[in-house]
Amino acid sequence: MTIQQNDLFSSLFEHRDQRIDRLGNPLMELDAAIDWEAFRPLLDKARLKERKSSAGRKRWDVILMFKGLVLASLYNLSDEQLEFQIEDRPSY
């Protein structure tokens, strides 16, 4: 017989996420209001640069980077603060 133990922090974060959604998550509202994919052609064109080799990590998705810039602007976040928020909150 195995006993399933819930991770204390996982349950706390899950509860927090549910509470935020119930109160009205502004990030979810923003995501629902904006057609992010409409920006992809323009963003792809702006990022167009021939890679010299396939070494290194793959590029981040242009939409994800664009969302980050919009959020940083809305919430007045530095690059470090934005990185922390993205890592800390899945809703970002």
PDB file of N, CA and C in Angstrom:
ATOM      1  N   MET A   1       0.844  -1.181   0.000  1.00  0.00           N
ATOM      2  CA  MET A   1       0.000   0.000   0.000  1.00  0.00           C
ATOM      3  C   MET A   1       0.887   1.242   0.000  1.00  0.00           C
ATOM      4  N   THR A   2       0.611   2.158  -0.912  1.00  0.00           N
ATOM      5  CA  THR A   2       1.384   3.391  -0.972  1.00  0.00           C
ATOM      6  C   THR A   2       0.536   4.544  -0.478  1.00  0.00           C
ATOM      7  N   ILE A   3       1.174   5.413   0.221  1.00  0.00           N
ATOM      8  CA  ILE A   3       0.491   6.592   0.744  1.00  0.00           C
ATOM      9  C   ILE A   3       0.950   7.783  -0.082  1.00  0.00           C
ATOM     10  N   GLN A   4      -0.003   8.472  -0.657  1.00  0.00           N
ATOM     11  CA  GLN A   4       0.323   9.643  -1.461  1.00  0.00           C
ATOM     12  C   GLN A   4       0.369  10.859  -0.550  1.00  0.00           C
ATOM     13  N   GLN A   5       1.532  11.510  -0.541  1.00  0.00           N
ATOM     14  CA  GLN A   5       1.699  12.693   0.282  1.00  0.00           C
ATOM     15  C   GLN A   5       1.738  13.917  -0.619  1.00  0.00           C
ATOM     16  N   ASN A   6       0.891  14.869  -0.343  1.00  0.00           N
ATOM     17  CA  ASN A   6       0.883  16.108  -1.116  1.00  0.00           C
ATOM     18  C   ASN A   6       2.021  16.997  -0.661  1.00  0.00           C
ATOM     19  N   ASP A   7       2.645  17.631  -1.597  1.00  0.00           N
ATOM     20  CA  ASP A   7       3.690  18.588  -1.306  1.00  0.00           C
ATOM     21  C   ASP A   7       3.047  19.834  -0.727  1.00  0.00           C
ATOM     22  N   LEU A   8       3.518  20.273   0.426  1.00  0.00           N
ATOM     23  CA  LEU A   8       2.937  21.427   1.109  1.00  0.00           C
ATOM     24  C   LEU A   8       2.939  22.662   0.215  1.00  0.00           C
ATOM     25  N   PHE A   9       4.064  22.932  -0.434  1.00  0.00           N
ATOM     26  CA  PHE A   9       4.157  24.139  -1.246  1.00  0.00           C
ATOM     27  C   PHE A   9       3.290  24.043  -2.490  1.00  0.00           C
ATOM     28  N   SER A  10       3.200  22.867  -3.089  1.00  0.00           N
ATOM     29  CA  SER A  10       2.345  22.712  -4.270  1.00  0.00           C
ATOM     30  C   SER A  10       0.896  23.021  -3.934  1.00  0.00           C
ATOM     31  N   SER A  11       0.429  22.523  -2.808  1.00  0.00           N
ATOM     32  CA  SER A  11      -0.964  22.764  -2.443  1.00  0.00           C
ATOM     33  C   SER A  11      -1.200  24.235  -2.108  1.00  0.00           C
ATOM     34  N   LEU A  12      -0.206  24.887  -1.501  1.00  0.00           N
ATOM     35  CA  LEU A  12      -0.348  26.313  -1.208  1.00  0.00           C
ATOM     36  C   LEU A  12      -0.420  27.130  -2.490  1.00  0.00           C
ATOM     37  N   PHE A  13       0.446  26.813  -3.459  1.00  0.00           N
ATOM     38  CA  PHE A  13       0.441  27.546  -4.726  1.00  0.00           C
ATOM     39  C   PHE A  13      -0.823  27.259  -5.522  1.00  0.00           C
ATOM     40  N   GLU A  14      -1.291  26.019  -5.471  1.00  0.00           N
ATOM     41  CA  GLU A  14      -2.525  25.686  -6.180  1.00  0.00           C
ATOM     42  C   GLU A  14      -3.695  26.479  -5.595  1.00  0.00           C
ATOM     43  N   HIS A  15      -3.752  26.554  -4.276  1.00  0.00           N
ATOM     44  CA  HIS A  15      -4.805  27.324  -3.612  1.00  0.00           C
ATOM     45  C   HIS A  15      -4.700  28.799  -3.998  1.00  0.00           C
ATOM     46  N   ARG A  16      -3.472  29.340  -4.018  1.00  0.00           N
ATOM     47  CA  ARG A  16      -3.264  30.737  -4.392  1.00  0.00           C
ATOM     48  C   ARG A  16      -3.721  30.989  -5.830  1.00  0.00           C
ATOM     49  N   ASP A  17      -3.365  30.088  -6.739  1.00  0.00           N
ATOM     50  CA  ASP A  17      -3.752  30.243  -8.142  1.00  0.00           C
ATOM     51  C   ASP A  17      -5.263  30.220  -8.305  1.00  0.00           C
ATOM     52  N   GLN A  18      -5.935  29.319  -7.593  1.00  0.00           N
ATOM     53  CA  GLN A  18      -7.397  29.253  -7.668  1.00  0.00           C
ATOM     54  C   GLN A  18      -8.026  30.533  -7.123  1.00  0.00           C
ATOM     55  N   ARG A  19      -7.454  31.055  -6.046  1.00  0.00           N
ATOM     56  CA  ARG A  19      -7.976  32.292  -5.442  1.00  0.00           C
ATOM     57  C   ARG A  19      -7.792  33.464  -6.401  1.00  0.00           C
ATOM     58  N   ILE A  20      -6.627  33.554  -7.027  1.00  0.00           N
ATOM     59  CA  ILE A  20      -6.360  34.636  -7.982  1.00  0.00           C
ATOM     60  C   ILE A  20      -7.338  34.555  -9.149  1.00  0.00           C
ATOM     61  N   ASP A  21      -7.562  33.345  -9.668  1.00  0.00           N
ATOM     62  CA  ASP A  21      -8.500  33.176 -10.774  1.00  0.00           C
ATOM     63  C   ASP A  21      -9.916  33.582 -10.358  1.00  0.00           C
ATOM     64  N   ARG A  22     -10.295  33.233  -9.147  1.00  0.00           N
ATOM     65  CA  ARG A  22     -11.637  33.560  -8.654  1.00  0.00           C
ATOM     66  C   ARG A  22     -11.805  35.081  -8.485  1.00  0.00           C
ATOM     67  N   LEU A  23     -10.754  35.770  -8.069  1.00  0.00           N
ATOM     68  CA  LEU A  23     -10.814  37.212  -7.874  1.00  0.00           C
ATOM     69  C   LEU A  23     -10.738  37.988  -9.185  1.00  0.00           C
ATOM     70  N   GLY A  24     -10.311  37.323 -10.241  1.00  0.00           N
ATOM     71  CA  GLY A  24     -10.175  37.984 -11.530  1.00  0.00           C
ATOM     72  C   GLY A  24      -8.718  38.260 -11.835  1.00  0.00           C
ATOM     73  N   ASN A  25      -8.073  37.316 -12.470  1.00  0.00           N
ATOM     74  CA  ASN A  25      -6.658  37.426 -12.796  1.00  0.00           C
ATOM     75  C   ASN A  25      -6.492  38.378 -13.989  1.00  0.00           C
ATOM     76  N   PRO A  26      -5.861  39.535 -13.793  1.00  0.00           N
ATOM     77  CA  PRO A  26      -5.726  40.483 -14.894  1.00  0.00           C
ATOM     78  C   PRO A  26      -4.884  39.937 -16.054  1.00  0.00           C
ATOM     79  N   LEU A  27      -3.971  39.027 -15.765  1.00  0.00           N
ATOM     80  CA  LEU A  27      -3.166  38.446 -16.834  1.00  0.00           C
ATOM     81  C   LEU A  27      -4.007  37.548 -17.732  1.00  0.00           C
ATOM     82  N   MET A  28      -4.934  36.820 -17.152  1.00  0.00           N
ATOM     83  CA  MET A  28      -5.819  35.969 -17.943  1.00  0.00           C
ATOM     84  C   MET A  28      -6.774  36.828 -18.774  1.00  0.00           C
ATOM     85  N   GLU A  29      -7.235  37.920 -18.201  1.00  0.00           N
ATOM     86  CA  GLU A  29      -8.113  38.833 -18.932  1.00  0.00           C
ATOM     87  C   GLU A  29      -7.371  39.470 -20.103  1.00  0.00           C
ATOM     88  N   LEU A  30      -6.128  39.854 -19.877  1.00  0.00           N
ATOM     89  CA  LEU A  30      -5.306  40.430 -20.936  1.00  0.00           C
ATOM     90  C   LEU A  30      -5.070  39.416 -22.052  1.00  0.00           C
ATOM     91  N   ASP A  31      -4.801  38.181 -21.657  1.00  0.00           N
ATOM     92  CA  ASP A  31      -4.561  37.121 -22.637  1.00  0.00           C
ATOM     93  C   ASP A  31      -5.808  36.850 -23.473  1.00  0.00           C
ATOM     94  N   ALA A  32      -6.965  36.924 -22.850  1.00  0.00           N
ATOM     95  CA  ALA A  32      -8.218  36.686 -23.569  1.00  0.00           C
ATOM     96  C   ALA A  32      -8.579  37.853 -24.498  1.00  0.00           C
ATOM     97  N   ALA A  33      -8.142  39.053 -24.136  1.00  0.00           N
ATOM     98  CA  ALA A  33      -8.522  40.240 -24.910  1.00  0.00           C
ATOM     99  C   ALA A  33      -7.628  40.485 -26.123  1.00  0.00           C
ATOM    100  N   ILE A  34      -6.424  39.931 -26.115  1.00  0.00           N
ATOM    101  CA  ILE A  34      -5.459  40.231 -27.186  1.00  0.00           C
ATOM    102  C   ILE A  34      -5.211  38.991 -28.029  1.00  0.00           C
ATOM    103  N   ASP A  35      -5.288  39.161 -29.331  1.00  0.00           N
ATOM    104  CA  ASP A  35      -4.932  38.088 -30.270  1.00  0.00           C
ATOM    105  C   ASP A  35      -3.425  38.171 -30.506  1.00  0.00           C
ATOM    106  N   TRP A  36      -2.663  37.481 -29.676  1.00  0.00           N
ATOM    107  CA  TRP A  36      -1.203  37.563 -29.721  1.00  0.00           C
ATOM    108  C   TRP A  36      -0.645  37.063 -31.054  1.00  0.00           C
ATOM    109  N   GLU A  37      -1.284  36.060 -31.623  1.00  0.00           N
ATOM    110  CA  GLU A  37      -0.783  35.475 -32.870  1.00  0.00           C
ATOM    111  C   GLU A  37      -0.842  36.460 -34.037  1.00  0.00           C
ATOM    112  N   ALA A  38      -1.672  37.476 -33.939  1.00  0.00           N
ATOM    113  CA  ALA A  38      -1.738  38.486 -34.999  1.00  0.00           C
ATOM    114  C   ALA A  38      -0.427  39.257 -35.119  1.00  0.00           C
ATOM    115  N   PHE A  39       0.351  39.283 -34.054  1.00  0.00           N
ATOM    116  CA  PHE A  39       1.634  39.986 -34.059  1.00  0.00           C
ATOM    117  C   PHE A  39       2.785  39.138 -34.600  1.00  0.00           C
ATOM    118  N   ARG A  40       2.578  37.822 -34.726  1.00  0.00           N
ATOM    119  CA  ARG A  40       3.668  36.919 -35.096  1.00  0.00           C
ATOM    120  C   ARG A  40       4.371  37.291 -36.405  1.00  0.00           C
ATOM    121  N   PRO A  41       3.640  37.578 -37.502  1.00  0.00           N
ATOM    122  CA  PRO A  41       4.344  37.908 -38.753  1.00  0.00           C
ATOM    123  C   PRO A  41       5.287  39.110 -38.609  1.00  0.00           C
ATOM    124  N   LEU A  42       4.824  40.140 -37.943  1.00  0.00           N
ATOM    125  CA  LEU A  42       5.651  41.326 -37.747  1.00  0.00           C
ATOM    126  C   LEU A  42       6.850  41.026 -36.841  1.00  0.00           C
ATOM    127  N   LEU A  43       6.617  40.275 -35.777  1.00  0.00           N
ATOM    128  CA  LEU A  43       7.694  39.933 -34.858  1.00  0.00           C
ATOM    129  C   LEU A  43       8.719  39.012 -35.509  1.00  0.00           C
ATOM    130  N   ASP A  44       8.233  38.052 -36.308  1.00  0.00           N
ATOM    131  CA  ASP A  44       9.158  37.170 -37.025  1.00  0.00           C
ATOM    132  C   ASP A  44      10.027  37.958 -37.997  1.00  0.00           C
ATOM    133  N   LYS A  45       9.423  38.945 -38.653  1.00  0.00           N
ATOM    134  CA  LYS A  45      10.171  39.771 -39.602  1.00  0.00           C
ATOM    135  C   LYS A  45      11.239  40.589 -38.869  1.00  0.00           C
ATOM    136  N   ALA A  46      10.883  41.116 -37.703  1.00  0.00           N
ATOM    137  CA  ALA A  46      11.830  41.927 -36.929  1.00  0.00           C
ATOM    138  C   ALA A  46      12.984  41.085 -36.401  1.00  0.00           C
ATOM    139  N   ARG A  47      12.726  39.827 -36.124  1.00  0.00           N
ATOM    140  CA  ARG A  47      13.758  38.952 -35.565  1.00  0.00           C
ATOM    141  C   ARG A  47      14.552  38.233 -36.643  1.00  0.00           C
ATOM    142  N   LEU A  48      14.161  38.375 -37.879  1.00  0.00           N
ATOM    143  CA  LEU A  48      14.800  37.652 -38.973  1.00  0.00           C
ATOM    144  C   LEU A  48      16.296  37.958 -39.026  1.00  0.00           C
ATOM    145  N   LYS A  49      17.077  36.956 -38.733  1.00  0.00           N
ATOM    146  CA  LYS A  49      18.529  37.069 -38.773  1.00  0.00           C
ATOM    147  C   LYS A  49      19.077  35.669 -39.010  1.00  0.00           C
ATOM    148  N   GLU A  50      19.934  35.562 -39.978  1.00  0.00           N
ATOM    149  CA  GLU A  50      20.473  34.251 -40.305  1.00  0.00           C
ATOM    150  C   GLU A  50      21.396  33.769 -39.194  1.00  0.00           C
ATOM    151  N   ARG A  51      21.168  32.548 -38.770  1.00  0.00           N
ATOM    152  CA  ARG A  51      22.029  31.953 -37.749  1.00  0.00           C
ATOM    153  C   ARG A  51      23.285  31.426 -38.413  1.00  0.00           C
ATOM    154  N   LYS A  52      24.415  31.669 -37.797  1.00  0.00           N
ATOM    155  CA  LYS A  52      25.687  31.229 -38.359  1.00  0.00           C
ATOM    156  C   LYS A  52      25.943  29.756 -38.096  1.00  0.00           C
ATOM    157  N   SER A  53      25.370  29.234 -37.023  1.00  0.00           N
ATOM    158  CA  SER A  53      25.494  27.811 -36.728  1.00  0.00           C
ATOM    159  C   SER A  53      24.294  27.375 -35.899  1.00  0.00           C
ATOM    160  N   SER A  54      24.153  26.083 -35.750  1.00  0.00           N
ATOM    161  CA  SER A  54      23.037  25.561 -34.947  1.00  0.00           C
ATOM    162  C   SER A  54      23.448  25.335 -33.497  1.00  0.00           C
ATOM    163  N   ALA A  55      24.632  25.782 -33.131  1.00  0.00           N
ATOM    164  CA  ALA A  55      25.107  25.619 -31.754  1.00  0.00           C
ATOM    165  C   ALA A  55      24.329  26.543 -30.819  1.00  0.00           C
ATOM    166  N   GLY A  56      24.322  26.184 -29.575  1.00  0.00           N
ATOM    167  CA  GLY A  56      23.642  27.005 -28.571  1.00  0.00           C
ATOM    168  C   GLY A  56      22.190  26.614 -28.406  1.00  0.00           C
ATOM    169  N   ARG A  57      21.571  27.269 -27.478  1.00  0.00           N
ATOM    170  CA  ARG A  57      20.168  26.935 -27.205  1.00  0.00           C
ATOM    171  C   ARG A  57      19.260  27.547 -28.268  1.00  0.00           C
ATOM    172  N   LYS A  58      18.074  26.979 -28.355  1.00  0.00           N
ATOM    173  CA  LYS A  58      17.095  27.489 -29.315  1.00  0.00           C
ATOM    174  C   LYS A  58      16.556  28.826 -28.838  1.00  0.00           C
ATOM    175  N   ARG A  59      16.119  29.626 -29.797  1.00  0.00           N
ATOM    176  CA  ARG A  59      15.543  30.928 -29.460  1.00  0.00           C
ATOM    177  C   ARG A  59      14.221  30.770 -28.738  1.00  0.00           C
ATOM    178  N   TRP A  60      13.918  31.744 -27.908  1.00  0.00           N
ATOM    179  CA  TRP A  60      12.612  31.779 -27.256  1.00  0.00           C
ATOM    180  C   TRP A  60      11.578  32.177 -28.300  1.00  0.00           C
ATOM    181  N   ASP A  61      10.375  31.740 -28.120  1.00  0.00           N
ATOM    182  CA  ASP A  61       9.280  32.075 -29.021  1.00  0.00           C
ATOM    183  C   ASP A  61       9.057  33.589 -29.022  1.00  0.00           C
ATOM    184  N   VAL A  62       8.854  34.156 -30.197  1.00  0.00           N
ATOM    185  CA  VAL A  62       8.697  35.619 -30.305  1.00  0.00           C
ATOM    186  C   VAL A  62       7.462  36.123 -29.564  1.00  0.00           C
ATOM    187  N   ILE A  63       6.407  35.335 -29.535  1.00  0.00           N
ATOM    188  CA  ILE A  63       5.190  35.739 -28.822  1.00  0.00           C
ATOM    189  C   ILE A  63       5.465  35.795 -27.321  1.00  0.00           C
ATOM    190  N   LEU A  64       6.170  34.803 -26.805  1.00  0.00           N
ATOM    191  CA  LEU A  64       6.513  34.798 -25.384  1.00  0.00           C
ATOM    192  C   LEU A  64       7.360  36.018 -25.032  1.00  0.00           C
ATOM    193  N   MET A  65       8.323  36.339 -25.861  1.00  0.00           N
ATOM    194  CA  MET A  65       9.168  37.507 -25.614  1.00  0.00           C
ATOM    195  C   MET A  65       8.347  38.804 -25.688  1.00  0.00           C
ATOM    196  N   PHE A  66       7.436  38.876 -26.651  1.00  0.00           N
ATOM    197  CA  PHE A  66       6.589  40.058 -26.797  1.00  0.00           C
ATOM    198  C   PHE A  66       5.685  40.230 -25.575  1.00  0.00           C
ATOM    199  N   LYS A  67       5.091  39.133 -25.108  1.00  0.00           N
ATOM    200  CA  LYS A  67       4.257  39.196 -23.907  1.00  0.00           C
ATOM    201  C   LYS A  67       5.076  39.710 -22.725  1.00  0.00           C
ATOM    202  N   GLY A  68       6.323  39.239 -22.627  1.00  0.00           N
ATOM    203  CA  GLY A  68       7.200  39.701 -21.554  1.00  0.00           C
ATOM    204  C   GLY A  68       7.441  41.203 -21.619  1.00  0.00           C
ATOM    205  N   LEU A  69       7.663  41.726 -22.820  1.00  0.00           N
ATOM    206  CA  LEU A  69       7.875  43.167 -22.968  1.00  0.00           C
ATOM    207  C   LEU A  69       6.624  43.965 -22.595  1.00  0.00           C
ATOM    208  N   VAL A  70       5.465  43.458 -22.982  1.00  0.00           N
ATOM    209  CA  VAL A  70       4.207  44.136 -22.639  1.00  0.00           C
ATOM    210  C   VAL A  70       4.018  44.142 -21.119  1.00  0.00           C
ATOM    211  N   LEU A  71       4.235  43.003 -20.477  1.00  0.00           N
ATOM    212  CA  LEU A  71       4.076  42.923 -19.022  1.00  0.00           C
ATOM    213  C   LEU A  71       5.085  43.799 -18.293  1.00  0.00           C
ATOM    214  N   ALA A  72       6.321  43.805 -18.779  1.00  0.00           N
ATOM    215  CA  ALA A  72       7.346  44.647 -18.155  1.00  0.00           C
ATOM    216  C   ALA A  72       6.950  46.121 -18.246  1.00  0.00           C
ATOM    217  N   SER A  73       6.371  46.497 -19.368  1.00  0.00           N
ATOM    218  CA  SER A  73       5.940  47.879 -19.549  1.00  0.00           C
ATOM    219  C   SER A  73       4.737  48.205 -18.653  1.00  0.00           C
ATOM    220  N   LEU A  74       3.756  47.315 -18.611  1.00  0.00           N
ATOM    221  CA  LEU A  74       2.552  47.551 -17.805  1.00  0.00           C
ATOM    222  C   LEU A  74       2.850  47.637 -16.311  1.00  0.00           C
ATOM    223  N   TYR A  75       3.741  46.768 -15.843  1.00  0.00           N
ATOM    224  CA  TYR A  75       4.017  46.678 -14.413  1.00  0.00           C
ATOM    225  C   TYR A  75       5.346  47.323 -14.025  1.00  0.00           C
ATOM    226  N   ASN A  76       5.980  48.031 -14.984  1.00  0.00           N
ATOM    227  CA  ASN A  76       7.228  48.737 -14.724  1.00  0.00           C
ATOM    228  C   ASN A  76       8.289  47.811 -14.103  1.00  0.00           C
ATOM    229  N   LEU A  77       8.533  46.675 -14.752  1.00  0.00           N
ATOM    230  CA  LEU A  77       9.475  45.681 -14.250  1.00  0.00           C
ATOM    231  C   LEU A  77      10.818  45.789 -14.958  1.00  0.00           C
ATOM    232  N   SER A  78      11.880  45.614 -14.197  1.00  0.00           N
ATOM    233  CA  SER A  78      13.205  45.509 -14.798  1.00  0.00           C
ATOM    234  C   SER A  78      13.333  44.121 -15.420  1.00  0.00           C
ATOM    235  N   ASP A  79      14.390  43.898 -16.167  1.00  0.00           N
ATOM    236  CA  ASP A  79      14.609  42.575 -16.759  1.00  0.00           C
ATOM    237  C   ASP A  79      14.686  41.503 -15.683  1.00  0.00           C
ATOM    238  N   GLU A  80      15.399  41.798 -14.595  1.00  0.00           N
ATOM    239  CA  GLU A  80      15.541  40.833 -13.511  1.00  0.00           C
ATOM    240  C   GLU A  80      14.213  40.559 -12.820  1.00  0.00           C
ATOM    241  N   GLN A  81      13.417  41.609 -12.610  1.00  0.00           N
ATOM    242  CA  GLN A  81      12.109  41.434 -11.979  1.00  0.00           C
ATOM    243  C   GLN A  81      11.173  40.635 -12.871  1.00  0.00           C
ATOM    244  N   LEU A  82      11.222  40.902 -14.165  1.00  0.00           N
ATOM    245  CA  LEU A  82      10.384  40.158 -15.104  1.00  0.00           C
ATOM    246  C   LEU A  82      10.775  38.685 -15.110  1.00  0.00           C
ATOM    247  N   GLU A  83      12.065  38.409 -15.142  1.00  0.00           N
ATOM    248  CA  GLU A  83      12.527  37.019 -15.117  1.00  0.00           C
ATOM    249  C   GLU A  83      12.048  36.320 -13.850  1.00  0.00           C
ATOM    250  N   PHE A  84      12.133  37.001 -12.713  1.00  0.00           N
ATOM    251  CA  PHE A  84      11.666  36.414 -11.456  1.00  0.00           C
ATOM    252  C   PHE A  84      10.180  36.118 -11.514  1.00  0.00           C
ATOM    253  N   GLN A  85       9.381  37.068 -12.007  1.00  0.00           N
ATOM    254  CA  GLN A  85       7.933  36.870 -12.071  1.00  0.00           C
ATOM    255  C   GLN A  85       7.569  35.710 -12.994  1.00  0.00           C
ATOM    256  N   ILE A  86       8.270  35.593 -14.115  1.00  0.00           N
ATOM    257  CA  ILE A  86       8.001  34.490 -15.053  1.00  0.00           C
ATOM    258  C   ILE A  86       8.327  33.157 -14.406  1.00  0.00           C
ATOM    259  N   GLU A  87       9.439  33.094 -13.699  1.00  0.00           N
ATOM    260  CA  GLU A  87       9.842  31.851 -13.028  1.00  0.00           C
ATOM    261  C   GLU A  87       8.932  31.539 -11.846  1.00  0.00           C
ATOM    262  N   ASP A  88       8.490  32.584 -11.132  1.00  0.00           N
ATOM    263  CA  ASP A  88       7.713  32.406  -9.910  1.00  0.00           C
ATOM    264  C   ASP A  88       6.250  32.089 -10.180  1.00  0.00           C
ATOM    265  N   ARG A  89       5.683  32.666 -11.237  1.00  0.00           N
ATOM    266  CA  ARG A  89       4.253  32.527 -11.495  1.00  0.00           C
ATOM    267  C   ARG A  89       3.999  31.932 -12.871  1.00  0.00           C
ATOM    268  N   PRO A  90       3.371  30.784 -12.904  1.00  0.00           N
ATOM    269  CA  PRO A  90       3.024  30.203 -14.213  1.00  0.00           C
ATOM    270  C   PRO A  90       2.057  31.078 -15.002  1.00  0.00           C
ATOM    271  N   SER A  91       1.261  31.915 -14.318  1.00  0.00           N
ATOM    272  CA  SER A  91       0.302  32.746 -15.043  1.00  0.00           C
ATOM    273  C   SER A  91       0.972  33.855 -15.820  1.00  0.00           C
ATOM    274  N   TYR A  92       2.191  34.220 -15.463  1.00  0.00           N
ATOM    275  CA  TYR A  92       2.908  35.219 -16.249  1.00  0.00           C
ATOM    276  C   TYR A  92       3.262  34.616 -17.586  1.00  0.00           C
TER     277      TYR A  92
END
